[in-house]
Structure formats: C-alpha cells, structure tokens
Amino acid sequence: MKRAFPIGLSILALSLLVASEARAESIVVTSTTVSTSGTFRCRGDIVCSGEGTDTITIGSGANTATISFTGADLSFDVTNELTRVTMGSFAMTASDGFTFPVRSNNPTGLPILNFVLTTHQSDPVSMTSTRLWEFGPGGHGTVPVMVGLGYHVLGLGGTAGGYHSTVYTYRPFPVLLSPGTVSLTADAGAVPEPATMVLLGTGLIGAASAARRRRTRNR
C-alpha cells in the first residue's frame, strides 16, 4: 500500500526553503510553549490491553510486548529556520523472539495499532492539534507507520513579518516501533500563510486518498 505523506513532506520542505531564502538572516518570530500526549488502540481482532491510555500491551501468551509513550513539555524560539525539538518518546519491552501479531482477515495489508498524538500549544495562542498514525501490518519484531501524515501545523496568531504558523515535521518518518526507547523528534519552523495553505491542501488530498484506499481494500 502506498503511503499518503511523501508529497506533503516535499511541499513542506520547499515551503520552508523558500521562506528561509526570502530572508538571509535567521529571524526569531516568536517563542512558543507546547506539550504532547498520546494514546494507543488496537485494530481488528488484535489482542491487547490498556487501550485508550499511553501504555498498551499487545499480543498474547509468551508473545507479548508493552509499548508506552511519554509526552514532552517544551518551550523554544520559533524562527524562519528549522529547529530540532523532541516531542516525546516511545519505549518498548518485549518477550524473547517477539513478533507483532497480524490481523486474521488481512495479515499483510491492514494496520494493527492506532496511535493518536495530541500536541497542545499554550503560547503564543492556545491551540491543539491531533495526528492519527496507524502502525502495521505486523509479523515482525518491529512495526512502522502504515498510514498517517508526518507533520502538523499550529497557528501563531498573526505574528509580525508575515509568519502565521509553525509546521512540525517528524524526523524520521515513518516512525518505527521497536524494542528500546526511541525519541520522537520534529523539525519546527515558521512559514508564511500561503505556504501553510498549500501544505494543508496537500495534506487533505493525501488524507482523502488514504481513506479511499482503505474503503476499497475493506470491501
């Protein structure tokens, strides 16, 4: 199955490049404060416990793994250049030889686990963004994002200089769940309003395409 996010990320990279080259020097647009949290849910007939919380145990018998997400609280300067920030971390412990289970109705094509990342911005304006990632299809000791977008946008309340939004682009993406602890990092940068609208439009097109593919596959 093709993923929905590469075009959107290409547009984002181009938008940030144009915004950066438009001004030779780095500009501090504003300071921001954000916090993150996350919840898991299993898909289909996958056996798990802890759904709806930040910690889930997936699998059964001797083949189990526990995955947790720890959110972050951070404050930083938003500039017209990219700033690497840590948005949280995933931790996974697993039994020896663990492999992620698969869905019985489609072992190789359907996601097995949902994760909803919530990012709340308290400054300079209060705003919340959620991002749904679907991991799958299972059958191995690691599991990547199958469906989802690798960025989100938070408004800045019409700040000076024509910058209206901060775009967070996750690196690397797709996110891979594997034994151990993995930091969830993003490149954050302010973009002018036209670039943001192009990015959002591309994201909506990608999301609609993914939804159509899921409906077609599940018929």
N, C-alpha and C. Protein backbone atom coordinates (compact mmCIF):
# COMPACT_ATOMS: atom_id res chain seq x y z
N MET A 1 0.84 -1.19 0.00
CA MET A 1 0.00 0.00 0.00
C MET A 1 0.87 1.24 0.00
N LYS A 2 0.58 2.20 -0.84
CA LYS A 2 1.33 3.43 -0.89
C LYS A 2 0.94 4.32 0.28
N ARG A 3 1.92 5.06 0.78
CA ARG A 3 1.64 5.96 1.89
C ARG A 3 1.21 7.32 1.36
N ALA A 4 0.50 8.08 2.23
CA ALA A 4 -0.09 9.34 1.80
C ALA A 4 0.81 10.54 2.00
N PHE A 5 1.97 10.36 2.69
CA PHE A 5 2.66 11.53 3.17
C PHE A 5 3.80 12.08 2.33
N PRO A 6 4.47 11.34 1.36
CA PRO A 6 5.66 11.90 0.74
C PRO A 6 5.43 13.22 0.02
N ILE A 7 4.32 13.41 -0.72
CA ILE A 7 4.08 14.65 -1.45
C ILE A 7 3.97 15.80 -0.48
N GLY A 8 3.23 15.59 0.61
CA GLY A 8 3.07 16.65 1.60
C GLY A 8 4.39 17.09 2.19
N LEU A 9 5.26 16.13 2.48
CA LEU A 9 6.56 16.47 3.06
C LEU A 9 7.43 17.20 2.05
N SER A 10 7.31 16.87 0.76
CA SER A 10 8.08 17.56 -0.26
C SER A 10 7.65 19.02 -0.36
N ILE A 11 6.32 19.25 -0.31
CA ILE A 11 5.81 20.61 -0.33
C ILE A 11 6.30 21.37 0.90
N LEU A 12 6.30 20.70 2.06
CA LEU A 12 6.76 21.35 3.29
C LEU A 12 8.21 21.77 3.17
N ALA A 13 9.06 20.88 2.68
CA ALA A 13 10.48 21.21 2.54
C ALA A 13 10.67 22.41 1.61
N LEU A 14 9.93 22.43 0.50
CA LEU A 14 10.03 23.53 -0.44
C LEU A 14 9.55 24.83 0.21
N SER A 15 8.45 24.76 0.97
CA SER A 15 7.90 25.95 1.62
C SER A 15 8.89 26.54 2.60
N LEU A 16 9.52 25.69 3.42
CA LEU A 16 10.48 26.17 4.41
C LEU A 16 11.72 26.73 3.73
N LEU A 17 12.13 26.11 2.60
CA LEU A 17 13.30 26.60 1.88
C LEU A 17 13.03 27.99 1.32
N VAL A 18 11.87 28.17 0.71
CA VAL A 18 11.51 29.47 0.15
C VAL A 18 11.43 30.52 1.25
N ALA A 19 10.81 30.15 2.39
CA ALA A 19 10.68 31.10 3.49
C ALA A 19 12.04 31.49 4.04
N SER A 20 12.96 30.51 4.12
CA SER A 20 14.28 30.79 4.67
C SER A 20 15.10 31.67 3.73
N GLU A 21 15.03 31.37 2.39
CA GLU A 21 15.81 32.13 1.43
C GLU A 21 15.26 33.53 1.22
N ALA A 22 14.00 33.73 1.56
CA ALA A 22 13.40 35.05 1.39
C ALA A 22 14.05 36.06 2.33
N ARG A 23 14.64 35.59 3.43
CA ARG A 23 15.33 36.44 4.39
C ARG A 23 16.68 35.79 4.69
N ALA A 24 17.73 36.51 4.43
CA ALA A 24 19.06 35.91 4.52
C ALA A 24 19.41 35.55 5.96
N GLU A 25 18.95 36.34 6.91
CA GLU A 25 19.32 36.11 8.30
C GLU A 25 18.21 35.35 9.02
N SER A 26 18.60 34.69 10.12
CA SER A 26 17.62 33.98 10.95
C SER A 26 16.81 35.00 11.75
N ILE A 27 15.50 34.81 11.77
CA ILE A 27 14.59 35.72 12.46
C ILE A 27 13.84 34.94 13.53
N VAL A 28 13.86 35.42 14.76
CA VAL A 28 13.03 34.85 15.81
C VAL A 28 11.63 35.43 15.64
N VAL A 29 10.69 34.58 15.25
CA VAL A 29 9.32 35.02 15.01
C VAL A 29 8.57 35.21 16.32
N THR A 30 8.69 34.23 17.19
CA THR A 30 8.03 34.29 18.49
C THR A 30 8.58 33.16 19.35
N SER A 31 8.22 33.12 20.61
CA SER A 31 8.52 31.97 21.46
C SER A 31 7.24 31.17 21.63
N THR A 32 7.38 29.87 21.82
CA THR A 32 6.21 29.02 21.94
C THR A 32 6.40 28.01 23.07
N THR A 33 5.30 27.57 23.63
CA THR A 33 5.30 26.53 24.66
C THR A 33 4.30 25.46 24.24
N VAL A 34 4.77 24.22 24.16
CA VAL A 34 3.89 23.13 23.74
C VAL A 34 4.07 21.93 24.67
N SER A 35 3.05 21.09 24.71
CA SER A 35 3.12 19.83 25.44
C SER A 35 2.46 18.75 24.58
N THR A 36 2.89 17.52 24.76
CA THR A 36 2.36 16.41 23.96
C THR A 36 1.88 15.28 24.86
N SER A 37 0.94 14.50 24.33
CA SER A 37 0.48 13.27 24.98
C SER A 37 0.04 12.32 23.88
N GLY A 38 -0.17 11.05 24.24
CA GLY A 38 -0.56 10.08 23.22
C GLY A 38 -1.34 8.91 23.80
N THR A 39 -2.19 8.32 22.97
CA THR A 39 -2.98 7.15 23.37
C THR A 39 -2.95 6.10 22.26
N PHE A 40 -3.04 4.83 22.68
CA PHE A 40 -3.00 3.70 21.76
C PHE A 40 -4.35 2.99 21.71
N ARG A 41 -4.64 2.38 20.57
CA ARG A 41 -5.76 1.45 20.43
C ARG A 41 -5.37 0.38 19.43
N CYS A 42 -5.85 -0.86 19.67
CA CYS A 42 -5.60 -1.94 18.74
C CYS A 42 -6.68 -2.00 17.68
N ARG A 43 -6.34 -2.56 16.52
CA ARG A 43 -7.26 -2.64 15.41
C ARG A 43 -7.72 -4.08 15.19
N GLY A 44 -8.96 -4.24 14.69
CA GLY A 44 -9.46 -5.55 14.31
C GLY A 44 -9.47 -6.53 15.46
N ASP A 45 -8.97 -7.75 15.21
CA ASP A 45 -9.01 -8.82 16.20
C ASP A 45 -7.70 -8.95 16.97
N ILE A 46 -6.88 -7.91 16.96
CA ILE A 46 -5.61 -7.94 17.69
C ILE A 46 -5.87 -7.91 19.20
N VAL A 47 -5.23 -8.82 19.93
CA VAL A 47 -5.38 -8.90 21.38
C VAL A 47 -4.46 -7.89 22.05
N CYS A 48 -5.04 -7.06 22.92
CA CYS A 48 -4.22 -6.10 23.64
C CYS A 48 -4.96 -5.61 24.88
N SER A 49 -4.23 -4.96 25.76
CA SER A 49 -4.82 -4.36 26.96
C SER A 49 -4.23 -2.97 27.13
N GLY A 50 -4.99 -2.10 27.80
CA GLY A 50 -4.53 -0.75 28.03
C GLY A 50 -4.99 0.25 26.98
N GLU A 51 -5.96 -0.16 26.14
CA GLU A 51 -6.42 0.74 25.09
C GLU A 51 -6.95 2.05 25.67
N GLY A 52 -6.70 3.13 24.94
CA GLY A 52 -7.15 4.44 25.37
C GLY A 52 -6.22 5.12 26.35
N THR A 53 -5.06 4.52 26.62
CA THR A 53 -4.07 5.10 27.53
C THR A 53 -2.74 5.25 26.80
N ASP A 54 -1.73 5.76 27.52
CA ASP A 54 -0.42 5.95 26.91
C ASP A 54 0.46 4.71 26.99
N THR A 55 -0.07 3.60 27.53
CA THR A 55 0.69 2.35 27.62
C THR A 55 -0.20 1.20 27.22
N ILE A 56 0.29 0.37 26.31
CA ILE A 56 -0.51 -0.74 25.80
C ILE A 56 0.35 -2.00 25.77
N THR A 57 -0.27 -3.14 26.10
CA THR A 57 0.38 -4.45 25.97
C THR A 57 -0.30 -5.19 24.84
N ILE A 58 0.47 -5.60 23.86
CA ILE A 58 -0.06 -6.21 22.65
C ILE A 58 0.46 -7.64 22.52
N GLY A 59 -0.40 -8.54 22.02
CA GLY A 59 -0.02 -9.93 21.87
C GLY A 59 -0.65 -10.79 22.95
N SER A 60 -0.29 -12.06 22.96
CA SER A 60 -0.86 -12.99 23.94
C SER A 60 0.14 -14.10 24.26
N GLY A 61 -0.11 -14.78 25.40
CA GLY A 61 0.75 -15.88 25.82
C GLY A 61 2.18 -15.43 26.05
N ALA A 62 3.12 -16.18 25.45
CA ALA A 62 4.53 -15.85 25.61
C ALA A 62 5.00 -14.81 24.60
N ASN A 63 4.10 -14.39 23.71
CA ASN A 63 4.45 -13.42 22.65
C ASN A 63 3.77 -12.09 22.94
N THR A 64 4.38 -11.28 23.81
CA THR A 64 3.78 -10.01 24.18
C THR A 64 4.84 -8.90 24.19
N ALA A 65 4.36 -7.69 24.03
CA ALA A 65 5.21 -6.51 24.14
C ALA A 65 4.41 -5.39 24.78
N THR A 66 5.08 -4.57 25.57
CA THR A 66 4.46 -3.40 26.18
C THR A 66 5.08 -2.16 25.57
N ILE A 67 4.22 -1.27 25.07
CA ILE A 67 4.66 -0.04 24.41
C ILE A 67 4.07 1.14 25.16
N SER A 68 4.88 2.13 25.44
CA SER A 68 4.40 3.32 26.14
C SER A 68 4.90 4.57 25.43
N PHE A 69 4.14 5.64 25.60
CA PHE A 69 4.55 6.93 25.07
C PHE A 69 4.65 7.93 26.22
N THR A 70 5.77 8.62 26.30
CA THR A 70 5.97 9.66 27.29
C THR A 70 6.00 11.00 26.57
N GLY A 71 5.05 11.88 26.93
CA GLY A 71 4.97 13.17 26.29
C GLY A 71 6.06 14.12 26.76
N ALA A 72 6.10 15.30 26.14
CA ALA A 72 7.11 16.30 26.46
C ALA A 72 6.46 17.64 26.76
N ASP A 73 7.14 18.42 27.57
CA ASP A 73 6.79 19.82 27.81
C ASP A 73 8.00 20.66 27.41
N LEU A 74 7.82 21.56 26.47
CA LEU A 74 8.98 22.30 25.99
C LEU A 74 8.60 23.72 25.58
N SER A 75 9.60 24.60 25.69
CA SER A 75 9.49 25.97 25.23
C SER A 75 10.72 26.28 24.38
N PHE A 76 10.50 26.97 23.26
CA PHE A 76 11.62 27.30 22.38
C PHE A 76 11.24 28.48 21.49
N ASP A 77 12.26 29.07 20.86
CA ASP A 77 12.04 30.16 19.92
C ASP A 77 11.68 29.60 18.55
N VAL A 78 10.61 30.09 17.97
CA VAL A 78 10.22 29.73 16.61
C VAL A 78 10.88 30.72 15.66
N THR A 79 11.64 30.22 14.72
CA THR A 79 12.34 31.07 13.76
C THR A 79 11.93 30.71 12.34
N ASN A 80 12.48 31.44 11.37
CA ASN A 80 12.23 31.13 9.97
C ASN A 80 13.17 30.03 9.46
N GLU A 81 13.93 29.43 10.37
CA GLU A 81 14.76 28.27 10.04
C GLU A 81 14.30 27.09 10.89
N LEU A 82 14.76 25.92 10.52
CA LEU A 82 14.32 24.71 11.22
C LEU A 82 15.03 24.55 12.55
N THR A 83 14.25 24.20 13.57
CA THR A 83 14.77 23.89 14.89
C THR A 83 14.38 22.47 15.27
N ARG A 84 15.34 21.63 15.63
CA ARG A 84 15.05 20.25 16.01
C ARG A 84 14.58 20.23 17.47
N VAL A 85 13.39 19.66 17.69
CA VAL A 85 12.82 19.58 19.04
C VAL A 85 12.39 18.15 19.31
N THR A 86 12.40 17.76 20.58
CA THR A 86 11.97 16.43 20.99
C THR A 86 10.54 16.52 21.50
N MET A 87 9.63 15.79 20.84
CA MET A 87 8.20 15.86 21.13
C MET A 87 7.71 14.74 22.04
N GLY A 88 8.63 13.89 22.48
CA GLY A 88 8.27 12.77 23.35
C GLY A 88 9.11 11.56 23.02
N SER A 89 8.73 10.41 23.55
CA SER A 89 9.50 9.19 23.27
C SER A 89 8.61 7.96 23.40
N PHE A 90 8.94 6.94 22.61
CA PHE A 90 8.31 5.62 22.70
C PHE A 90 9.28 4.67 23.38
N ALA A 91 8.76 3.84 24.28
CA ALA A 91 9.56 2.80 24.93
C ALA A 91 8.85 1.47 24.73
N MET A 92 9.62 0.44 24.36
CA MET A 92 9.02 -0.87 24.11
C MET A 92 9.87 -1.95 24.76
N THR A 93 9.20 -2.81 25.55
CA THR A 93 9.83 -4.02 26.09
C THR A 93 9.06 -5.21 25.55
N ALA A 94 9.78 -6.27 25.22
CA ALA A 94 9.13 -7.41 24.57
C ALA A 94 9.73 -8.72 25.06
N SER A 95 8.93 -9.78 24.95
CA SER A 95 9.42 -11.12 25.27
C SER A 95 10.42 -11.57 24.22
N ASP A 96 11.26 -12.53 24.57
CA ASP A 96 12.27 -13.03 23.62
C ASP A 96 11.58 -13.56 22.36
N GLY A 97 12.11 -13.13 21.22
CA GLY A 97 11.57 -13.60 19.95
C GLY A 97 10.22 -13.00 19.57
N PHE A 98 9.84 -11.89 20.22
CA PHE A 98 8.53 -11.31 19.96
C PHE A 98 8.37 -10.88 18.51
N THR A 99 7.18 -11.15 17.96
CA THR A 99 6.77 -10.61 16.68
C THR A 99 5.37 -10.01 16.83
N PHE A 100 5.15 -8.87 16.21
CA PHE A 100 3.84 -8.24 16.27
C PHE A 100 2.80 -9.15 15.62
N PRO A 101 1.62 -9.30 16.25
CA PRO A 101 0.56 -10.13 15.65
C PRO A 101 0.03 -9.48 14.38
N VAL A 102 -0.70 -10.26 13.60
CA VAL A 102 -1.30 -9.77 12.36
C VAL A 102 -2.81 -9.95 12.42
N ARG A 103 -3.52 -9.19 11.64
CA ARG A 103 -4.97 -9.32 11.60
C ARG A 103 -5.36 -10.51 10.72
N SER A 104 -6.26 -11.33 11.23
CA SER A 104 -6.59 -12.59 10.55
C SER A 104 -7.23 -12.37 9.19
N ASN A 105 -7.96 -11.27 9.01
CA ASN A 105 -8.65 -11.06 7.73
C ASN A 105 -7.75 -10.49 6.65
N ASN A 106 -6.56 -9.98 7.03
CA ASN A 106 -5.62 -9.46 6.03
C ASN A 106 -4.25 -9.34 6.69
N PRO A 107 -3.49 -10.44 6.75
CA PRO A 107 -2.23 -10.46 7.50
C PRO A 107 -1.16 -9.50 7.00
N THR A 108 -1.21 -9.14 5.71
CA THR A 108 -0.12 -8.35 5.14
C THR A 108 -0.52 -6.93 4.74
N GLY A 109 -1.79 -6.59 4.89
CA GLY A 109 -2.22 -5.30 4.35
C GLY A 109 -2.92 -4.35 5.28
N LEU A 110 -3.25 -4.76 6.51
CA LEU A 110 -4.02 -3.90 7.40
C LEU A 110 -3.22 -3.51 8.64
N PRO A 111 -3.38 -2.28 9.11
CA PRO A 111 -2.70 -1.85 10.34
C PRO A 111 -3.25 -2.58 11.56
N ILE A 112 -2.41 -2.73 12.57
CA ILE A 112 -2.80 -3.46 13.78
C ILE A 112 -2.92 -2.55 15.00
N LEU A 113 -2.41 -1.32 14.90
CA LEU A 113 -2.33 -0.46 16.07
C LEU A 113 -2.51 0.99 15.67
N ASN A 114 -3.36 1.70 16.40
CA ASN A 114 -3.54 3.14 16.23
C ASN A 114 -2.81 3.89 17.34
N PHE A 115 -2.27 5.04 16.97
CA PHE A 115 -1.69 5.94 17.98
C PHE A 115 -2.15 7.36 17.65
N VAL A 116 -2.71 8.03 18.64
CA VAL A 116 -3.14 9.42 18.46
C VAL A 116 -2.19 10.31 19.26
N LEU A 117 -1.46 11.17 18.55
CA LEU A 117 -0.57 12.14 19.18
C LEU A 117 -1.31 13.47 19.30
N THR A 118 -1.38 14.00 20.50
CA THR A 118 -2.01 15.29 20.75
C THR A 118 -0.94 16.30 21.14
N THR A 119 -0.89 17.41 20.43
CA THR A 119 0.05 18.48 20.73
C THR A 119 -0.74 19.72 21.10
N HIS A 120 -0.51 20.21 22.31
CA HIS A 120 -1.21 21.41 22.78
C HIS A 120 -0.23 22.57 22.89
N GLN A 121 -0.56 23.66 22.22
CA GLN A 121 0.24 24.88 22.29
C GLN A 121 -0.45 25.87 23.24
N SER A 122 0.28 26.33 24.24
CA SER A 122 -0.29 27.31 25.18
C SER A 122 0.13 28.74 24.87
N ASP A 123 1.29 28.90 24.23
CA ASP A 123 1.79 30.22 23.81
C ASP A 123 2.33 30.11 22.39
N PRO A 124 2.19 31.14 21.55
CA PRO A 124 1.61 32.45 21.83
C PRO A 124 0.08 32.48 21.81
N VAL A 125 -0.57 31.48 21.25
CA VAL A 125 -2.02 31.35 21.33
C VAL A 125 -2.33 29.90 21.70
N SER A 126 -3.47 29.69 22.34
CA SER A 126 -3.86 28.34 22.73
C SER A 126 -4.44 27.61 21.52
N MET A 127 -3.88 26.43 21.24
CA MET A 127 -4.32 25.66 20.08
C MET A 127 -3.90 24.21 20.27
N THR A 128 -4.72 23.29 19.78
CA THR A 128 -4.42 21.85 19.91
C THR A 128 -4.50 21.19 18.54
N SER A 129 -3.54 20.31 18.27
CA SER A 129 -3.51 19.54 17.04
C SER A 129 -3.40 18.06 17.38
N THR A 130 -4.16 17.22 16.67
CA THR A 130 -4.04 15.78 16.85
C THR A 130 -3.60 15.14 15.54
N ARG A 131 -2.85 14.07 15.66
CA ARG A 131 -2.37 13.35 14.49
C ARG A 131 -2.55 11.86 14.74
N LEU A 132 -3.28 11.18 13.84
CA LEU A 132 -3.51 9.75 13.94
C LEU A 132 -2.51 9.00 13.07
N TRP A 133 -1.78 8.08 13.70
CA TRP A 133 -0.89 7.20 12.97
C TRP A 133 -1.36 5.76 13.14
N GLU A 134 -1.34 4.99 12.06
CA GLU A 134 -1.73 3.58 12.08
C GLU A 134 -0.50 2.74 11.76
N PHE A 135 -0.13 1.88 12.72
CA PHE A 135 1.06 1.03 12.58
C PHE A 135 0.66 -0.35 12.06
N GLY A 136 1.53 -0.96 11.28
CA GLY A 136 1.27 -2.30 10.81
C GLY A 136 2.27 -2.69 9.72
N PRO A 137 2.03 -3.87 9.10
CA PRO A 137 0.93 -4.80 9.35
C PRO A 137 1.24 -5.90 10.37
N GLY A 138 2.38 -5.91 10.99
CA GLY A 138 2.74 -6.97 11.94
C GLY A 138 3.52 -8.08 11.27
N GLY A 139 3.82 -9.12 12.07
CA GLY A 139 4.56 -10.26 11.55
C GLY A 139 6.06 -10.18 11.78
N HIS A 140 6.54 -9.06 12.31
CA HIS A 140 7.97 -8.87 12.56
C HIS A 140 8.18 -8.32 13.97
N GLY A 141 9.44 -8.16 14.35
CA GLY A 141 9.75 -7.64 15.68
C GLY A 141 9.64 -6.13 15.78
N THR A 142 9.49 -5.46 14.65
CA THR A 142 9.29 -4.02 14.61
C THR A 142 8.04 -3.74 13.77
N VAL A 143 7.50 -2.51 13.94
CA VAL A 143 6.31 -2.16 13.16
C VAL A 143 6.37 -0.66 12.83
N PRO A 144 6.20 -0.30 11.53
CA PRO A 144 6.26 1.11 11.13
C PRO A 144 4.87 1.70 10.96
N VAL A 145 4.82 3.02 10.82
CA VAL A 145 3.58 3.68 10.42
C VAL A 145 3.22 3.24 9.01
N MET A 146 1.97 2.78 8.83
CA MET A 146 1.47 2.46 7.51
C MET A 146 0.68 3.62 6.91
N VAL A 147 -0.12 4.25 7.73
CA VAL A 147 -0.99 5.34 7.28
C VAL A 147 -0.83 6.52 8.22
N GLY A 148 -0.71 7.72 7.69
CA GLY A 148 -0.61 8.91 8.52
C GLY A 148 0.27 9.95 7.88
N LEU A 149 0.20 11.16 8.38
CA LEU A 149 0.99 12.26 7.88
C LEU A 149 2.08 12.62 8.88
N GLY A 150 3.24 12.98 8.38
CA GLY A 150 4.39 13.23 9.22
C GLY A 150 4.58 14.67 9.62
N TYR A 151 3.51 15.47 9.66
CA TYR A 151 3.64 16.85 10.07
C TYR A 151 2.32 17.32 10.70
N HIS A 152 2.36 18.42 11.42
CA HIS A 152 1.15 19.12 11.82
C HIS A 152 1.46 20.60 11.93
N VAL A 153 0.40 21.41 11.95
CA VAL A 153 0.53 22.86 11.88
C VAL A 153 -0.17 23.50 13.09
N LEU A 154 0.51 24.46 13.73
CA LEU A 154 -0.07 25.23 14.82
C LEU A 154 0.05 26.72 14.51
N GLY A 155 -1.05 27.46 14.66
CA GLY A 155 -1.06 28.88 14.35
C GLY A 155 -0.31 29.70 15.37
N LEU A 156 0.14 30.87 14.92
CA LEU A 156 0.90 31.78 15.78
C LEU A 156 0.15 33.07 16.06
N GLY A 157 -1.10 33.16 15.64
CA GLY A 157 -1.90 34.33 15.96
C GLY A 157 -1.55 35.57 15.17
N GLY A 158 -1.11 35.39 13.91
CA GLY A 158 -0.83 36.55 13.06
C GLY A 158 0.34 37.37 13.52
N THR A 159 1.49 36.73 13.72
CA THR A 159 2.67 37.43 14.22
C THR A 159 3.28 38.32 13.14
N ALA A 160 4.23 39.15 13.53
CA ALA A 160 4.84 40.11 12.61
C ALA A 160 5.67 39.41 11.55
N GLY A 161 5.87 40.12 10.44
CA GLY A 161 6.73 39.60 9.38
C GLY A 161 6.05 38.65 8.43
N GLY A 162 4.75 38.50 8.53
CA GLY A 162 4.02 37.64 7.60
C GLY A 162 4.00 36.18 7.97
N TYR A 163 4.55 35.81 9.12
CA TYR A 163 4.54 34.41 9.55
C TYR A 163 3.31 34.15 10.42
N HIS A 164 2.57 33.12 10.07
CA HIS A 164 1.31 32.86 10.75
C HIS A 164 1.26 31.49 11.44
N SER A 165 2.15 30.57 11.06
CA SER A 165 2.04 29.20 11.57
C SER A 165 3.41 28.59 11.79
N THR A 166 3.45 27.62 12.70
CA THR A 166 4.62 26.76 12.87
C THR A 166 4.27 25.38 12.35
N VAL A 167 5.12 24.83 11.50
CA VAL A 167 4.96 23.48 10.99
C VAL A 167 5.97 22.57 11.67
N TYR A 168 5.48 21.46 12.22
CA TYR A 168 6.32 20.45 12.86
C TYR A 168 6.40 19.25 11.92
N THR A 169 7.61 18.92 11.46
CA THR A 169 7.82 17.80 10.55
C THR A 169 8.62 16.73 11.28
N TYR A 170 8.05 15.53 11.39
CA TYR A 170 8.66 14.49 12.21
C TYR A 170 9.82 13.83 11.49
N ARG A 171 10.92 13.66 12.24
CA ARG A 171 12.16 13.07 11.72
C ARG A 171 12.65 12.01 12.69
N PRO A 172 12.83 10.75 12.25
CA PRO A 172 12.48 10.30 10.90
C PRO A 172 10.99 9.97 10.82
N PHE A 173 10.51 9.81 9.61
CA PHE A 173 9.15 9.39 9.39
C PHE A 173 9.14 8.51 8.15
N PRO A 174 8.46 7.35 8.19
CA PRO A 174 7.57 6.83 9.23
C PRO A 174 8.27 6.51 10.54
N VAL A 175 7.56 6.70 11.63
CA VAL A 175 8.02 6.30 12.96
C VAL A 175 8.04 4.79 13.03
N LEU A 176 9.07 4.22 13.63
CA LEU A 176 9.21 2.78 13.76
C LEU A 176 9.20 2.39 15.23
N LEU A 177 8.28 1.51 15.62
CA LEU A 177 8.24 0.98 16.98
C LEU A 177 9.11 -0.26 17.04
N SER A 178 10.06 -0.27 17.99
CA SER A 178 10.99 -1.39 18.12
C SER A 178 11.44 -1.47 19.57
N PRO A 179 12.01 -2.60 20.00
CA PRO A 179 12.47 -2.71 21.39
C PRO A 179 13.46 -1.60 21.75
N GLY A 180 13.32 -1.08 22.97
CA GLY A 180 14.16 0.02 23.42
C GLY A 180 13.37 1.31 23.46
N THR A 181 14.09 2.43 23.54
CA THR A 181 13.47 3.75 23.61
C THR A 181 13.84 4.55 22.37
N VAL A 182 12.84 5.15 21.77
CA VAL A 182 13.04 5.95 20.56
C VAL A 182 12.48 7.34 20.79
N SER A 183 13.30 8.36 20.61
CA SER A 183 12.83 9.74 20.75
C SER A 183 12.00 10.13 19.53
N LEU A 184 10.92 10.85 19.79
CA LEU A 184 10.09 11.38 18.72
C LEU A 184 10.51 12.83 18.50
N THR A 185 11.24 13.09 17.42
CA THR A 185 11.75 14.42 17.16
C THR A 185 11.08 15.03 15.95
N ALA A 186 11.06 16.36 15.93
CA ALA A 186 10.46 17.08 14.80
C ALA A 186 11.31 18.29 14.48
N ASP A 187 11.30 18.68 13.21
CA ASP A 187 11.88 19.94 12.79
C ASP A 187 10.77 20.98 12.77
N ALA A 188 10.91 22.04 13.56
CA ALA A 188 9.89 23.07 13.68
C ALA A 188 10.38 24.36 13.03
N GLY A 189 9.50 24.97 12.23
CA GLY A 189 9.86 26.22 11.58
C GLY A 189 8.63 27.03 11.23
N ALA A 190 8.75 28.36 11.27
CA ALA A 190 7.63 29.23 10.93
C ALA A 190 7.54 29.36 9.41
N VAL A 191 6.31 29.37 8.89
CA VAL A 191 6.09 29.53 7.46
C VAL A 191 5.06 30.63 7.23
N PRO A 192 5.16 31.35 6.10
CA PRO A 192 4.16 32.35 5.77
C PRO A 192 2.83 31.68 5.44
N GLU A 193 1.76 32.44 5.51
CA GLU A 193 0.42 31.89 5.30
C GLU A 193 0.24 31.18 3.97
N PRO A 194 0.68 31.72 2.80
CA PRO A 194 0.46 30.99 1.54
C PRO A 194 1.08 29.60 1.54
N ALA A 195 2.30 29.48 2.11
CA ALA A 195 2.94 28.17 2.15
C ALA A 195 2.16 27.21 3.02
N THR A 196 1.61 27.71 4.14
CA THR A 196 0.82 26.86 5.02
C THR A 196 -0.42 26.34 4.33
N MET A 197 -1.10 27.20 3.58
CA MET A 197 -2.32 26.79 2.88
C MET A 197 -2.02 25.72 1.84
N VAL A 198 -0.90 25.88 1.11
CA VAL A 198 -0.52 24.85 0.14
C VAL A 198 -0.27 23.53 0.84
N LEU A 199 0.45 23.58 1.98
CA LEU A 199 0.76 22.37 2.74
C LEU A 199 -0.50 21.69 3.24
N LEU A 200 -1.43 22.47 3.81
CA LEU A 200 -2.67 21.90 4.32
C LEU A 200 -3.49 21.29 3.21
N GLY A 201 -3.56 21.97 2.05
CA GLY A 201 -4.32 21.43 0.93
C GLY A 201 -3.76 20.11 0.46
N THR A 202 -2.44 20.01 0.40
CA THR A 202 -1.80 18.75 0.00
C THR A 202 -2.09 17.66 1.01
N GLY A 203 -2.05 18.00 2.31
CA GLY A 203 -2.34 17.03 3.35
C GLY A 203 -3.75 16.50 3.27
N LEU A 204 -4.73 17.39 3.00
CA LEU A 204 -6.11 16.95 2.89
C LEU A 204 -6.30 16.04 1.70
N ILE A 205 -5.63 16.36 0.58
CA ILE A 205 -5.71 15.48 -0.58
C ILE A 205 -5.15 14.11 -0.25
N GLY A 206 -3.99 14.09 0.45
CA GLY A 206 -3.38 12.82 0.83
C GLY A 206 -4.26 12.02 1.76
N ALA A 207 -4.88 12.69 2.74
CA ALA A 207 -5.76 12.00 3.69
C ALA A 207 -6.97 11.41 2.98
N ALA A 208 -7.54 12.17 2.02
CA ALA A 208 -8.68 11.66 1.27
C ALA A 208 -8.30 10.45 0.44
N SER A 209 -7.10 10.49 -0.16
CA SER A 209 -6.65 9.35 -0.95
C SER A 209 -6.47 8.11 -0.09
N ALA A 210 -5.90 8.29 1.11
CA ALA A 210 -5.72 7.16 2.02
C ALA A 210 -7.06 6.58 2.43
N ALA A 211 -8.04 7.44 2.70
CA ALA A 211 -9.37 6.97 3.09
C ALA A 211 -10.01 6.16 1.97
N ARG A 212 -9.86 6.63 0.74
CA ARG A 212 -10.42 5.89 -0.39
C ARG A 212 -9.77 4.53 -0.52
N ARG A 213 -8.44 4.46 -0.33
CA ARG A 213 -7.76 3.18 -0.45
C ARG A 213 -8.23 2.21 0.63
N ARG A 214 -8.46 2.72 1.87
CA ARG A 214 -8.91 1.85 2.93
C ARG A 214 -10.31 1.31 2.64
N ARG A 215 -11.19 2.19 2.11
CA ARG A 215 -12.55 1.72 1.80
C ARG A 215 -12.51 0.66 0.72
N THR A 216 -11.67 0.88 -0.31
CA THR A 216 -11.57 -0.10 -1.39
C THR A 216 -11.02 -1.42 -0.90
N ARG A 217 -10.00 -1.38 -0.02
CA ARG A 217 -9.36 -2.60 0.47
C ARG A 217 -10.30 -3.41 1.36
N ASN A 218 -11.16 -2.73 2.12
CA ASN A 218 -12.03 -3.42 3.08
C ASN A 218 -13.34 -3.91 2.49
N ARG A 219 -13.60 -3.64 1.20
CA ARG A 219 -14.84 -4.13 0.60
C ARG A 219 -14.81 -5.65 0.40
